[in-house]
PDB file of N, CA and C in Angstrom:
ATOM      1  N   MET A   1     135.093  95.464 110.325  1.00  0.00           N
ATOM      2  CA  MET A   1     136.198  95.974 111.107  1.00  0.00           C
ATOM      3  C   MET A   1     135.789  96.164 112.563  1.00  0.00           C
ATOM      4  N   GLY A   2     134.598  96.708 112.812  1.00  0.00           N
ATOM      5  CA  GLY A   2     134.141  96.966 114.170  1.00  0.00           C
ATOM      6  C   GLY A   2     134.076  95.712 115.017  1.00  0.00           C
ATOM      7  N   ASP A   3     133.638  94.606 114.413  1.00  0.00           N
ATOM      8  CA  ASP A   3     133.563  93.351 115.160  1.00  0.00           C
ATOM      9  C   ASP A   3     134.944  92.907 115.614  1.00  0.00           C
ATOM     10  N   ARG A   4     135.943  93.054 114.745  1.00  0.00           N
ATOM     11  CA  ARG A   4     137.297  92.654 115.120  1.00  0.00           C
ATOM     12  C   ARG A   4     137.855  93.538 116.230  1.00  0.00           C
ATOM     13  N   VAL A   5     137.600  94.821 116.128  1.00  0.00           N
ATOM     14  CA  VAL A   5     138.077  95.733 117.169  1.00  0.00           C
ATOM     15  C   VAL A   5     137.395  95.405 118.494  1.00  0.00           C
ATOM     16  N   ASP A   6     136.076  95.209 118.466  1.00  0.00           N
ATOM     17  CA  ASP A   6     135.368  94.856 119.693  1.00  0.00           C
ATOM     18  C   ASP A   6     135.858  93.530 120.256  1.00  0.00           C
ATOM     19  N   SER A   7     136.103  92.553 119.395  1.00  0.00           N
ATOM     20  CA  SER A   7     136.623  91.254 119.854  1.00  0.00           C
ATOM     21  C   SER A   7     138.011  91.424 120.466  1.00  0.00           C
ATOM     22  N   GLY A   8     138.842  92.244 119.828  1.00  0.00           N
ATOM     23  CA  GLY A   8     140.179  92.494 120.352  1.00  0.00           C
ATOM     24  C   GLY A   8     140.131  93.183 121.700  1.00  0.00           C
ATOM     25  N   ARG A   9     139.239  94.165 121.830  1.00  0.00           N
ATOM     26  CA  ARG A   9     139.107  94.861 123.108  1.00  0.00           C
ATOM     27  C   ARG A   9     138.629  93.904 124.195  1.00  0.00           C
ATOM     28  N   ALA A  10     137.701  93.006 123.847  1.00  0.00           N
ATOM     29  CA  ALA A  10     137.241  92.020 124.814  1.00  0.00           C
ATOM     30  C   ALA A  10     138.384  91.094 125.234  1.00  0.00           C
ATOM     31  N   ARG A  11     139.231  90.742 124.280  1.00  0.00           N
ATOM     32  CA  ARG A  11     140.367  89.879 124.602  1.00  0.00           C
ATOM     33  C   ARG A  11     141.367  90.604 125.508  1.00  0.00           C
ATOM     34  N   LEU A  12     141.520  91.920 125.332  1.00  0.00           N
ATOM     35  CA  LEU A  12     142.397  92.675 126.233  1.00  0.00           C
ATOM     36  C   LEU A  12     141.852  92.654 127.658  1.00  0.00           C
ATOM     37  N   VAL A  13     140.537  92.822 127.782  1.00  0.00           N
ATOM     38  CA  VAL A  13     139.924  92.767 129.114  1.00  0.00           C
ATOM     39  C   VAL A  13     140.113  91.372 129.706  1.00  0.00           C
ATOM     40  N   ALA A  14     139.903  90.333 128.885  1.00  0.00           N
ATOM     41  CA  ALA A  14     140.095  88.962 129.353  1.00  0.00           C
ATOM     42  C   ALA A  14     141.541  88.747 129.793  1.00  0.00           C
ATOM     43  N   ALA A  15     142.489  89.302 129.045  1.00  0.00           N
ATOM     44  CA  ALA A  15     143.902  89.159 129.406  1.00  0.00           C
ATOM     45  C   ALA A  15     144.161  89.770 130.775  1.00  0.00           C
ATOM     46  N   GLY A  16     143.587  90.923 131.020  1.00  0.00           N
ATOM     47  CA  GLY A  16     143.757  91.568 132.318  1.00  0.00           C
ATOM     48  C   GLY A  16     143.152  90.748 133.448  1.00  0.00           C
ATOM     49  N   ALA A  17     141.966  90.191 133.213  1.00  0.00           N
ATOM     50  CA  ALA A  17     141.320  89.363 134.237  1.00  0.00           C
ATOM     51  C   ALA A  17     142.128  88.105 134.508  1.00  0.00           C
ATOM     52  N   LEU A  18     142.633  87.490 133.452  1.00  0.00           N
ATOM     53  CA  LEU A  18     143.456  86.289 133.622  1.00  0.00           C
ATOM     54  C   LEU A  18     144.735  86.611 134.388  1.00  0.00           C
ATOM     55  N   ALA A  19     145.334  87.754 134.073  1.00  0.00           N
ATOM     56  CA  ALA A  19     146.556  88.154 134.780  1.00  0.00           C
ATOM     57  C   ALA A  19     146.267  88.387 136.258  1.00  0.00           C
ATOM     58  N   ALA A  20     145.152  89.039 136.537  1.00  0.00           N
ATOM     59  CA  ALA A  20     144.779  89.303 137.926  1.00  0.00           C
ATOM     60  C   ALA A  20     144.522  88.002 138.685  1.00  0.00           C
ATOM     61  N   ALA A  21     144.099  86.965 137.951  1.00  0.00           N
ATOM     62  CA  ALA A  21     143.844  85.663 138.565  1.00  0.00           C
ATOM     63  C   ALA A  21     145.112  84.814 138.647  1.00  0.00           C
ATOM     64  N   GLY A  22     146.240  85.370 138.206  1.00  0.00           N
ATOM     65  CA  GLY A  22     147.500  84.650 138.281  1.00  0.00           C
ATOM     66  C   GLY A  22     147.756  83.699 137.136  1.00  0.00           C
ATOM     67  N   ARG A  23     147.028  83.850 136.053  1.00  0.00           N
ATOM     68  CA  ARG A  23     147.176  82.965 134.889  1.00  0.00           C
ATOM     69  C   ARG A  23     147.916  83.705 133.778  1.00  0.00           C
ATOM     70  N   ALA A  24     149.203  83.955 134.007  1.00  0.00           N
ATOM     71  CA  ALA A  24     150.012  84.785 133.111  1.00  0.00           C
ATOM     72  C   ALA A  24     150.101  84.217 131.707  1.00  0.00           C
ATOM     73  N   LYS A  25     150.269  82.920 131.571  1.00  0.00           N
ATOM     74  CA  LYS A  25     150.404  82.320 130.235  1.00  0.00           C
ATOM     75  C   LYS A  25     149.130  82.518 129.419  1.00  0.00           C
ATOM     76  N   ALA A  26     147.983  82.279 130.033  1.00  0.00           N
ATOM     77  CA  ALA A  26     146.701  82.476 129.347  1.00  0.00           C
ATOM     78  C   ALA A  26     146.480  83.960 129.044  1.00  0.00           C
ATOM     79  N   ALA A  27     146.902  84.820 129.964  1.00  0.00           N
ATOM     80  CA  ALA A  27     146.765  86.265 129.753  1.00  0.00           C
ATOM     81  C   ALA A  27     147.591  86.712 128.558  1.00  0.00           C
ATOM     82  N   ARG A  28     148.813  86.208 128.482  1.00  0.00           N
ATOM     83  CA  ARG A  28     149.684  86.553 127.358  1.00  0.00           C
ATOM     84  C   ARG A  28     149.074  86.092 126.036  1.00  0.00           C
ATOM     85  N   ALA A  29     148.494  84.898 126.034  1.00  0.00           N
ATOM     86  CA  ALA A  29     147.872  84.367 124.815  1.00  0.00           C
ATOM     87  C   ALA A  29     146.697  85.240 124.376  1.00  0.00           C
ATOM     88  N   GLU A  30     145.882  85.662 125.325  1.00  0.00           N
ATOM     89  CA  GLU A  30     144.743  86.539 124.995  1.00  0.00           C
ATOM     90  C   GLU A  30     145.236  87.879 124.442  1.00  0.00           C
ATOM     91  N   GLY A  31     146.290  88.422 125.053  1.00  0.00           N
ATOM     92  CA  GLY A  31     146.858  89.677 124.568  1.00  0.00           C
ATOM     93  C   GLY A  31     147.390  89.552 123.152  1.00  0.00           C
ATOM     94  N   GLU A  32     148.019  88.431 122.846  1.00  0.00           N
ATOM     95  CA  GLU A  32     148.530  88.203 121.490  1.00  0.00           C
ATOM     96  C   GLU A  32     147.395  88.060 120.485  1.00  0.00           C
ATOM     97  N   LEU A  33     146.311  87.378 120.886  1.00  0.00           N
ATOM     98  CA  LEU A  33     145.154  87.256 119.996  1.00  0.00           C
ATOM     99  C   LEU A  33     144.517  88.623 119.745  1.00  0.00           C
ATOM    100  N   ALA A  34     144.451  89.443 120.782  1.00  0.00           N
ATOM    101  CA  ALA A  34     143.910  90.798 120.625  1.00  0.00           C
ATOM    102  C   ALA A  34     144.746  91.582 119.631  1.00  0.00           C
ATOM    103  N   ASP A  35     146.047  91.521 119.779  1.00  0.00           N
ATOM    104  CA  ASP A  35     146.946  92.237 118.872  1.00  0.00           C
ATOM    105  C   ASP A  35     146.760  91.752 117.433  1.00  0.00           C
ATOM    106  N   ALA A  36     146.624  90.457 117.252  1.00  0.00           N
ATOM    107  CA  ALA A  36     146.430  89.907 115.900  1.00  0.00           C
ATOM    108  C   ALA A  36     145.131  90.421 115.287  1.00  0.00           C
ATOM    109  N   LEU A  37     144.067  90.478 116.077  1.00  0.00           N
ATOM    110  CA  LEU A  37     142.791  91.002 115.574  1.00  0.00           C
ATOM    111  C   LEU A  37     142.929  92.470 115.171  1.00  0.00           C
ATOM    112  N   PHE A  38     143.596  93.247 116.011  1.00  0.00           N
ATOM    113  CA  PHE A  38     143.764  94.664 115.699  1.00  0.00           C
ATOM    114  C   PHE A  38     144.579  94.861 114.431  1.00  0.00           C
ATOM    115  N   ARG A  39     145.650  94.104 114.293  1.00  0.00           N
ATOM    116  CA  ARG A  39     146.483  94.235 113.090  1.00  0.00           C
ATOM    117  C   ARG A  39     145.737  93.794 111.845  1.00  0.00           C
ATOM    118  N   ALA A  40     144.894  92.770 111.964  1.00  0.00           N
ATOM    119  CA  ALA A  40     144.160  92.253 110.806  1.00  0.00           C
ATOM    120  C   ALA A  40     143.201  93.279 110.219  1.00  0.00           C
ATOM    121  N   CYS A  41     142.702  94.174 111.062  1.00  0.00           N
ATOM    122  CA  CYS A  41     141.752  95.167 110.540  1.00  0.00           C
ATOM    123  C   CYS A  41     142.351  96.571 110.484  1.00  0.00           C
ATOM    124  N   GLY A  42     143.646  96.673 110.706  1.00  0.00           N
ATOM    125  CA  GLY A  42     144.309  97.968 110.571  1.00  0.00           C
ATOM    126  C   GLY A  42     144.067  98.925 111.715  1.00  0.00           C
ATOM    127  N   ALA A  43     143.690  98.414 112.879  1.00  0.00           N
ATOM    128  CA  ALA A  43     143.458  99.267 114.049  1.00  0.00           C
ATOM    129  C   ALA A  43     144.803  99.500 114.750  1.00  0.00           C
ATOM    130  N   ALA A  44     145.604 100.375 114.165  1.00  0.00           N
ATOM    131  CA  ALA A  44     146.990 100.576 114.605  1.00  0.00           C
ATOM    132  C   ALA A  44     147.091 101.040 116.056  1.00  0.00           C
ATOM    133  N   LEU A  45     146.234 101.964 116.476  1.00  0.00           N
ATOM    134  CA  LEU A  45     146.301 102.473 117.844  1.00  0.00           C
ATOM    135  C   LEU A  45     146.082 101.339 118.838  1.00  0.00           C
ATOM    136  N   PHE A  46     145.042 100.531 118.596  1.00  0.00           N
ATOM    137  CA  PHE A  46     144.769  99.418 119.498  1.00  0.00           C
ATOM    138  C   PHE A  46     145.882  98.387 119.445  1.00  0.00           C
ATOM    139  N   SER A  47     146.424  98.164 118.272  1.00  0.00           N
ATOM    140  CA  SER A  47     147.514  97.201 118.136  1.00  0.00           C
ATOM    141  C   SER A  47     148.719  97.645 118.957  1.00  0.00           C
ATOM    142  N   ARG A  48     149.039  98.936 118.897  1.00  0.00           N
ATOM    143  CA  ARG A  48     150.160  99.450 119.694  1.00  0.00           C
ATOM    144  C   ARG A  48     149.879  99.264 121.176  1.00  0.00           C
ATOM    145  N   MET A  49     148.626  99.537 121.583  1.00  0.00           N
ATOM    146  CA  MET A  49     148.274  99.374 122.985  1.00  0.00           C
ATOM    147  C   MET A  49     148.400  97.916 123.409  1.00  0.00           C
ATOM    148  N   ALA A  50     147.883  97.009 122.590  1.00  0.00           N
ATOM    149  CA  ALA A  50     147.938  95.581 122.929  1.00  0.00           C
ATOM    150  C   ALA A  50     149.374  95.108 123.010  1.00  0.00           C
ATOM    151  N   GLY A  51     150.208  95.589 122.120  1.00  0.00           N
ATOM    152  CA  GLY A  51     151.596  95.161 122.102  1.00  0.00           C
ATOM    153  C   GLY A  51     152.419  95.703 123.244  1.00  0.00           C
ATOM    154  N   ARG A  52     151.986  96.792 123.840  1.00  0.00           N
ATOM    155  CA  ARG A  52     152.785  97.434 124.879  1.00  0.00           C
ATOM    156  C   ARG A  52     152.298  97.145 126.283  1.00  0.00           C
ATOM    157  N   LEU A  53     151.087  96.664 126.414  1.00  0.00           N
ATOM    158  CA  LEU A  53     150.526  96.494 127.747  1.00  0.00           C
ATOM    159  C   LEU A  53     150.982  95.217 128.411  1.00  0.00           C
ATOM    160  N   GLU A  54     151.330  95.327 129.651  1.00  0.00           N
ATOM    161  CA  GLU A  54     151.542  94.147 130.471  1.00  0.00           C
ATOM    162  C   GLU A  54     150.148  93.699 130.897  1.00  0.00           C
ATOM    163  N   PRO A  55     149.842  92.409 130.845  1.00  0.00           N
ATOM    164  CA  PRO A  55     148.497  91.963 131.206  1.00  0.00           C
ATOM    165  C   PRO A  55     148.028  92.443 132.568  1.00  0.00           C
ATOM    166  N   ALA A  56     148.902  92.512 133.554  1.00  0.00           N
ATOM    167  CA  ALA A  56     148.481  92.952 134.880  1.00  0.00           C
ATOM    168  C   ALA A  56     148.042  94.409 134.878  1.00  0.00           C
ATOM    169  N   VAL A  57     148.567  95.217 133.955  1.00  0.00           N
ATOM    170  CA  VAL A  57     148.227  96.631 133.889  1.00  0.00           C
ATOM    171  C   VAL A  57     146.957  96.845 133.074  1.00  0.00           C
ATOM    172  N   GLN A  58     146.587  95.896 132.247  1.00  0.00           N
ATOM    173  CA  GLN A  58     145.441  96.068 131.375  1.00  0.00           C
ATOM    174  C   GLN A  58     144.146  96.293 132.144  1.00  0.00           C
ATOM    175  N   VAL A  59     144.063  95.810 133.351  1.00  0.00           N
ATOM    176  CA  VAL A  59     142.842  96.001 134.119  1.00  0.00           C
ATOM    177  C   VAL A  59     142.762  97.394 134.714  1.00  0.00           C
ATOM    178  N   LEU A  60     143.843  98.161 134.638  1.00  0.00           N
ATOM    179  CA  LEU A  60     143.850  99.494 135.209  1.00  0.00           C
ATOM    180  C   LEU A  60     142.771 100.375 134.577  1.00  0.00           C
ATOM    181  N   LEU A  61     142.716 100.421 133.280  1.00  0.00           N
ATOM    182  CA  LEU A  61     141.716 101.213 132.562  1.00  0.00           C
ATOM    183  C   LEU A  61     140.933 100.301 131.637  1.00  0.00           C
ATOM    184  N   THR A  62     139.643 100.601 131.477  1.00  0.00           N
ATOM    185  CA  THR A  62     138.840  99.829 130.535  1.00  0.00           C
ATOM    186  C   THR A  62     139.267 100.182 129.115  1.00  0.00           C
ATOM    187  N   PRO A  63     138.946  99.334 128.146  1.00  0.00           N
ATOM    188  CA  PRO A  63     139.283  99.673 126.758  1.00  0.00           C
ATOM    189  C   PRO A  63     138.696 101.023 126.324  1.00  0.00           C
ATOM    190  N   ARG A  64     137.480 101.336 126.757  1.00  0.00           N
ATOM    191  CA  ARG A  64     136.869 102.609 126.376  1.00  0.00           C
ATOM    192  C   ARG A  64     137.588 103.776 127.038  1.00  0.00           C
ATOM    193  N   GLU A  65     137.991 103.614 128.299  1.00  0.00           N
ATOM    194  CA  GLU A  65     138.746 104.673 128.967  1.00  0.00           C
ATOM    195  C   GLU A  65     140.084 104.886 128.272  1.00  0.00           C
ATOM    196  N   LEU A  66     140.727 103.803 127.862  1.00  0.00           N
ATOM    197  CA  LEU A  66     141.981 103.929 127.117  1.00  0.00           C
ATOM    198  C   LEU A  66     141.772 104.645 125.793  1.00  0.00           C
ATOM    199  N   THR A  67     140.691 104.306 125.098  1.00  0.00           N
ATOM    200  CA  THR A  67     140.399 104.933 123.815  1.00  0.00           C
ATOM    201  C   THR A  67     140.184 106.426 123.988  1.00  0.00           C
ATOM    202  N   VAL A  68     139.363 106.792 124.966  1.00  0.00           N
ATOM    203  CA  VAL A  68     139.075 108.207 125.217  1.00  0.00           C
ATOM    204  C   VAL A  68     140.360 108.943 125.610  1.00  0.00           C
ATOM    205  N   LEU A  69     141.169 108.328 126.460  1.00  0.00           N
ATOM    206  CA  LEU A  69     142.416 108.966 126.874  1.00  0.00           C
ATOM    207  C   LEU A  69     143.391 109.094 125.704  1.00  0.00           C
ATOM    208  N   ALA A  70     143.430 108.088 124.832  1.00  0.00           N
ATOM    209  CA  ALA A  70     144.297 108.155 123.654  1.00  0.00           C
ATOM    210  C   ALA A  70     143.869 109.297 122.731  1.00  0.00           C
ATOM    211  N   LEU A  71     142.570 109.478 122.568  1.00  0.00           N
ATOM    212  CA  LEU A  71     142.076 110.575 121.734  1.00  0.00           C
ATOM    213  C   LEU A  71     142.323 111.923 122.407  1.00  0.00           C
ATOM    214  N   ALA A  72     142.214 111.959 123.728  1.00  0.00           N
ATOM    215  CA  ALA A  72     142.537 113.190 124.462  1.00  0.00           C
ATOM    216  C   ALA A  72     144.018 113.527 124.285  1.00  0.00           C
ATOM    217  N   ALA A  73     144.852 112.499 124.209  1.00  0.00           N
ATOM    218  CA  ALA A  73     146.288 112.704 123.999  1.00  0.00           C
ATOM    219  C   ALA A  73     146.566 113.323 122.638  1.00  0.00           C
ATOM    220  N   GLU A  74     145.638 113.158 121.704  1.00  0.00           N
ATOM    221  CA  GLU A  74     145.766 113.763 120.380  1.00  0.00           C
ATOM    222  C   GLU A  74     145.198 115.179 120.359  1.00  0.00           C
ATOM    223  N   SER A  75     144.933 115.734 121.535  1.00  0.00           N
ATOM    224  CA  SER A  75     144.416 117.099 121.716  1.00  0.00           C
ATOM    225  C   SER A  75     142.995 117.286 121.218  1.00  0.00           C
ATOM    226  N   LEU A  76     142.225 116.212 121.144  1.00  0.00           N
ATOM    227  CA  LEU A  76     140.826 116.347 120.759  1.00  0.00           C
ATOM    228  C   LEU A  76     140.018 116.821 121.960  1.00  0.00           C
ATOM    229  N   THR A  77     139.033 117.658 121.715  1.00  0.00           N
ATOM    230  CA  THR A  77     138.132 118.104 122.772  1.00  0.00           C
ATOM    231  C   THR A  77     137.174 116.968 123.116  1.00  0.00           C
ATOM    232  N   ALA A  78     136.499 117.109 124.242  1.00  0.00           N
ATOM    233  CA  ALA A  78     135.500 116.105 124.629  1.00  0.00           C
ATOM    234  C   ALA A  78     134.416 115.998 123.554  1.00  0.00           C
ATOM    235  N   GLU A  79     134.051 117.131 122.977  1.00  0.00           N
ATOM    236  CA  GLU A  79     133.027 117.130 121.929  1.00  0.00           C
ATOM    237  C   GLU A  79     133.510 116.364 120.697  1.00  0.00           C
ATOM    238  N   ALA A  80     134.763 116.584 120.314  1.00  0.00           N
ATOM    239  CA  ALA A  80     135.318 115.892 119.149  1.00  0.00           C
ATOM    240  C   ALA A  80     135.444 114.385 119.413  1.00  0.00           C
ATOM    241  N   ILE A  81     135.851 114.029 120.623  1.00  0.00           N
ATOM    242  CA  ILE A  81     135.951 112.618 120.979  1.00  0.00           C
ATOM    243  C   ILE A  81     134.563 111.977 120.922  1.00  0.00           C
ATOM    244  N   ALA A  82     133.576 112.673 121.457  1.00  0.00           N
ATOM    245  CA  ALA A  82     132.199 112.166 121.451  1.00  0.00           C
ATOM    246  C   ALA A  82     131.704 111.935 120.027  1.00  0.00           C
ATOM    247  N   ARG A  83     131.961 112.892 119.151  1.00  0.00           N
ATOM    248  CA  ARG A  83     131.540 112.734 117.748  1.00  0.00           C
ATOM    249  C   ARG A  83     132.241 111.540 117.106  1.00  0.00           C
ATOM    250  N   ARG A  84     133.542 111.413 117.337  1.00  0.00           N
ATOM    251  CA  ARG A  84     134.305 110.334 116.720  1.00  0.00           C
ATOM    252  C   ARG A  84     133.821 108.962 117.201  1.00  0.00           C
ATOM    253  N   LEU A  85     133.490 108.864 118.493  1.00  0.00           N
ATOM    254  CA  LEU A  85     133.081 107.577 119.050  1.00  0.00           C
ATOM    255  C   LEU A  85     131.577 107.340 119.015  1.00  0.00           C
ATOM    256  N   GLY A  86     130.830 108.375 118.654  1.00  0.00           N
ATOM    257  CA  GLY A  86     129.371 108.234 118.581  1.00  0.00           C
ATOM    258  C   GLY A  86     128.732 108.097 119.957  1.00  0.00           C
ATOM    259  N   ILE A  87     129.281 108.830 120.933  1.00  0.00           N
ATOM    260  CA  ILE A  87     128.742 108.811 122.288  1.00  0.00           C
ATOM    261  C   ILE A  87     128.504 110.242 122.742  1.00  0.00           C
ATOM    262  N   ALA A  88     127.838 110.391 123.874  1.00  0.00           N
ATOM    263  CA  ALA A  88     127.547 111.723 124.407  1.00  0.00           C
ATOM    264  C   ALA A  88     128.803 112.348 125.009  1.00  0.00           C
ATOM    265  N   THR A  89     128.852 113.674 124.977  1.00  0.00           N
ATOM    266  CA  THR A  89     129.975 114.403 125.564  1.00  0.00           C
ATOM    267  C   THR A  89     130.082 114.102 127.054  1.00  0.00           C
ATOM    268  N   GLY A  90     128.954 113.986 127.727  1.00  0.00           N
ATOM    269  CA  GLY A  90     128.964 113.651 129.151  1.00  0.00           C
ATOM    270  C   GLY A  90     129.588 112.282 129.417  1.00  0.00           C
ATOM    271  N   THR A  91     129.378 111.357 128.485  1.00  0.00           N
ATOM    272  CA  THR A  91     129.977 110.027 128.624  1.00  0.00           C
ATOM    273  C   THR A  91     131.486 110.109 128.487  1.00  0.00           C
ATOM    274  N   VAL A  92     131.946 110.940 127.562  1.00  0.00           N
ATOM    275  CA  VAL A  92     133.394 111.158 127.411  1.00  0.00           C
ATOM    276  C   VAL A  92     133.953 111.719 128.715  1.00  0.00           C
ATOM    277  N   GLN A  93     133.275 112.713 129.268  1.00  0.00           N
ATOM    278  CA  GLN A  93     133.733 113.317 130.525  1.00  0.00           C
ATOM    279  C   GLN A  93     133.795 112.274 131.632  1.00  0.00           C
ATOM    280  N   LYS A  94     132.809 111.386 131.688  1.00  0.00           N
ATOM    281  CA  LYS A  94     132.789 110.349 132.720  1.00  0.00           C
ATOM    282  C   LYS A  94     133.960 109.383 132.540  1.00  0.00           C
ATOM    283  N   HIS A  95     134.245 108.992 131.287  1.00  0.00           N
ATOM    284  CA  HIS A  95     135.388 108.109 131.032  1.00  0.00           C
ATOM    285  C   HIS A  95     136.695 108.798 131.444  1.00  0.00           C
ATOM    286  N   LEU A  96     136.819 110.088 131.154  1.00  0.00           N
ATOM    287  CA  LEU A  96     138.016 110.827 131.555  1.00  0.00           C
ATOM    288  C   LEU A  96     138.121 110.906 133.081  1.00  0.00           C
ATOM    289  N   GLU A  97     137.006 111.173 133.755  1.00  0.00           N
ATOM    290  CA  GLU A  97     137.012 111.225 135.219  1.00  0.00           C
ATOM    291  C   GLU A  97     137.444 109.883 135.804  1.00  0.00           C
ATOM    292  N   ASN A  98     136.914 108.793 135.244  1.00  0.00           N
ATOM    293  CA  ASN A  98     137.292 107.460 135.726  1.00  0.00           C
ATOM    294  C   ASN A  98     138.782 107.210 135.512  1.00  0.00           C
ATOM    295  N   ALA A  99     139.284 107.627 134.365  1.00  0.00           N
ATOM    296  CA  ALA A  99     140.712 107.457 134.078  1.00  0.00           C
ATOM    297  C   ALA A  99     141.551 108.270 135.056  1.00  0.00           C
ATOM    298  N   TYR A 100     141.150 109.508 135.318  1.00  0.00           N
ATOM    299  CA  TYR A 100     141.874 110.346 136.268  1.00  0.00           C
ATOM    300  C   TYR A 100     141.938 109.662 137.633  1.00  0.00           C
ATOM    301  N   ARG A 101     140.783 109.163 138.074  1.00  0.00           N
ATOM    302  CA  ARG A 101     140.710 108.525 139.390  1.00  0.00           C
ATOM    303  C   ARG A 101     141.617 107.300 139.444  1.00  0.00           C
ATOM    304  N   LYS A 102     141.544 106.456 138.419  1.00  0.00           N
ATOM    305  CA  LYS A 102     142.334 105.227 138.404  1.00  0.00           C
ATOM    306  C   LYS A 102     143.830 105.500 138.290  1.00  0.00           C
ATOM    307  N   LEU A 103     144.177 106.566 137.597  1.00  0.00           N
ATOM    308  CA  LEU A 103     145.583 106.923 137.429  1.00  0.00           C
ATOM    309  C   LEU A 103     146.102 107.801 138.563  1.00  0.00           C
ATOM    310  N   GLY A 104     145.191 108.265 139.418  1.00  0.00           N
ATOM    311  CA  GLY A 104     145.591 109.123 140.526  1.00  0.00           C
ATOM    312  C   GLY A 104     145.985 110.517 140.084  1.00  0.00           C
ATOM    313  N   THR A 105     145.298 111.016 139.062  1.00  0.00           N
ATOM    314  CA  THR A 105     145.616 112.333 138.508  1.00  0.00           C
ATOM    315  C   THR A 105     144.378 113.221 138.569  1.00  0.00           C
ATOM    316  N   GLY A 106     144.547 114.471 138.140  1.00  0.00           N
ATOM    317  CA  GLY A 106     143.421 115.389 138.194  1.00  0.00           C
ATOM    318  C   GLY A 106     143.167 116.152 136.912  1.00  0.00           C
ATOM    319  N   ASP A 107     143.957 115.877 135.880  1.00  0.00           N
ATOM    320  CA  ASP A 107     143.762 116.599 134.625  1.00  0.00           C
ATOM    321  C   ASP A 107     144.241 115.758 133.447  1.00  0.00           C
ATOM    322  N   ARG A 108     143.921 116.225 132.256  1.00  0.00           N
ATOM    323  CA  ARG A 108     144.259 115.481 131.029  1.00  0.00           C
ATOM    324  C   ARG A 108     145.745 115.275 130.835  1.00  0.00           C
ATOM    325  N   LEU A 109     146.492 116.363 130.926  1.00  0.00           N
ATOM    326  CA  LEU A 109     147.919 116.279 130.639  1.00  0.00           C
ATOM    327  C   LEU A 109     148.618 115.295 131.569  1.00  0.00           C
ATOM    328  N   THR A 110     148.366 115.432 132.861  1.00  0.00           N
ATOM    329  CA  THR A 110     148.998 114.533 133.822  1.00  0.00           C
ATOM    330  C   THR A 110     148.550 113.096 133.588  1.00  0.00           C
ATOM    331  N   SER A 111     147.283 112.906 133.241  1.00  0.00           N
ATOM    332  CA  SER A 111     146.757 111.559 132.976  1.00  0.00           C
ATOM    333  C   SER A 111     147.423 110.942 131.758  1.00  0.00           C
ATOM    334  N   VAL A 112     147.551 111.709 130.701  1.00  0.00           N
ATOM    335  CA  VAL A 112     148.194 111.212 129.480  1.00  0.00           C
ATOM    336  C   VAL A 112     149.648 110.865 129.764  1.00  0.00           C
ATOM    337  N   LEU A 113     150.351 111.752 130.466  1.00  0.00           N
ATOM    338  CA  LEU A 113     151.758 111.501 130.772  1.00  0.00           C
ATOM    339  C   LEU A 113     151.926 110.265 131.658  1.00  0.00           C
ATOM    340  N   ARG A 114     151.049 110.113 132.645  1.00  0.00           N
ATOM    341  CA  ARG A 114     151.136 108.942 133.519  1.00  0.00           C
ATOM    342  C   ARG A 114     150.820 107.671 132.728  1.00  0.00           C
ATOM    343  N   ALA A 115     149.796 107.716 131.868  1.00  0.00           N
ATOM    344  CA  ALA A 115     149.450 106.546 131.051  1.00  0.00           C
ATOM    345  C   ALA A 115     150.601 106.188 130.116  1.00  0.00           C
ATOM    346  N   GLN A 116     151.273 107.185 129.575  1.00  0.00           N
ATOM    347  CA  GLN A 116     152.442 106.922 128.725  1.00  0.00           C
ATOM    348  C   GLN A 116     153.568 106.302 129.536  1.00  0.00           C
ATOM    349  N   ALA A 117     153.799 106.819 130.724  1.00  0.00           N
ATOM    350  CA  ALA A 117     154.868 106.290 131.574  1.00  0.00           C
ATOM    351  C   ALA A 117     154.601 104.843 131.962  1.00  0.00           C
ATOM    352  N   LEU A 118     153.320 104.479 132.114  1.00  0.00           N
ATOM    353  CA  LEU A 118     152.951 103.105 132.456  1.00  0.00           C
ATOM    354  C   LEU A 118     152.935 102.192 131.236  1.00  0.00           C
ATOM    355  N   GLY A 119     153.113 102.779 130.049  1.00  0.00           N
ATOM    356  CA  GLY A 119     153.067 101.980 128.835  1.00  0.00           C
ATOM    357  C   GLY A 119     151.662 101.731 128.337  1.00  0.00           C
ATOM    358  N   LEU A 120     150.684 102.446 128.885  1.00  0.00           N
ATOM    359  CA  LEU A 120     149.295 102.277 128.459  1.00  0.00           C
ATOM    360  C   LEU A 120     149.010 102.992 127.145  1.00  0.00           C
ATOM    361  N   LEU A 121     149.745 104.058 126.894  1.00  0.00           N
ATOM    362  CA  LEU A 121     149.614 104.826 125.653  1.00  0.00           C
ATOM    363  C   LEU A 121     150.993 104.994 125.050  1.00  0.00           C
ATOM    364  N   PRO A 122     151.065 105.048 123.716  1.00  0.00           N
ATOM    365  CA  PRO A 122     152.368 105.295 123.103  1.00  0.00           C
ATOM    366  C   PRO A 122     152.847 106.700 123.441  1.00  0.00           C
ATOM    367  N   ARG A 123     154.144 106.836 123.568  1.00  0.00           N
ATOM    368  CA  ARG A 123     154.726 108.152 123.834  1.00  0.00           C
ATOM    369  C   ARG A 123     154.598 109.023 122.595  1.00  0.00           C
ATOM    370  N   ALA A 124     154.506 110.303 122.816  1.00  0.00           N
ATOM    371  CA  ALA A 124     154.380 111.246 121.707  1.00  0.00           C
ATOM    372  C   ALA A 124     155.671 111.263 120.897  1.00  0.00           C
ATOM    373  N   TRP A 125     155.526 111.447 119.606  1.00  0.00           N
ATOM    374  CA  TRP A 125     156.691 111.551 118.716  1.00  0.00           C
ATOM    375  C   TRP A 125     157.280 112.945 118.888  1.00  0.00           C
ATOM    376  N   THR A 126     158.596 113.009 118.917  1.00  0.00           N
ATOM    377  CA  THR A 126     159.273 114.307 118.975  1.00  0.00           C
ATOM    378  C   THR A 126     160.306 114.365 117.865  1.00  0.00           C
ATOM    379  N   GLN A 127     160.708 115.567 117.491  1.00  0.00           N
ATOM    380  CA  GLN A 127     161.705 115.724 116.450  1.00  0.00           C
ATOM    381  C   GLN A 127     163.071 115.218 116.900  1.00  0.00           C
ATOM    382  N   ASN A 128     163.320 115.250 118.200  1.00  0.00           N
ATOM    383  CA  ASN A 128     164.615 114.831 118.729  1.00  0.00           C
ATOM    384  C   ASN A 128     164.709 113.338 118.970  1.00  0.00           C
ATOM    385  N   GLY A 129     163.657 112.607 118.748  1.00  0.00           N
ATOM    386  CA  GLY A 129     163.774 111.196 119.003  1.00  0.00           C
ATOM    387  C   GLY A 129     162.475 110.531 119.016  1.00  0.00           C
TER     388      GLY A 129
END
């Protein structure tokens, strides 16, 4: 499963690079391949991200920054995110700082909301809709 997720994440990065180079058709194809890899191994969060991202926006945050921000959106602490991803807490903090800088925000909540508004993260489920 890990190999497929890593391959899918690499394809998302490739899609963003292709989009930045003006190769929209190739970028779209890479994004679709990434989504297929994620769905094949049941990586629902990544699949949702791949399906919702515009290739030009994919370069905004790295796959790891997106992952950390998605877990932060689930109200996990930096320590919990670090344990789940098998990385140091300081590394989680650095990924969050990078995400804040790239999104032009200064805290978790604003970063999550901005990422959701950009379509980088799925919107939170509410009882009203």
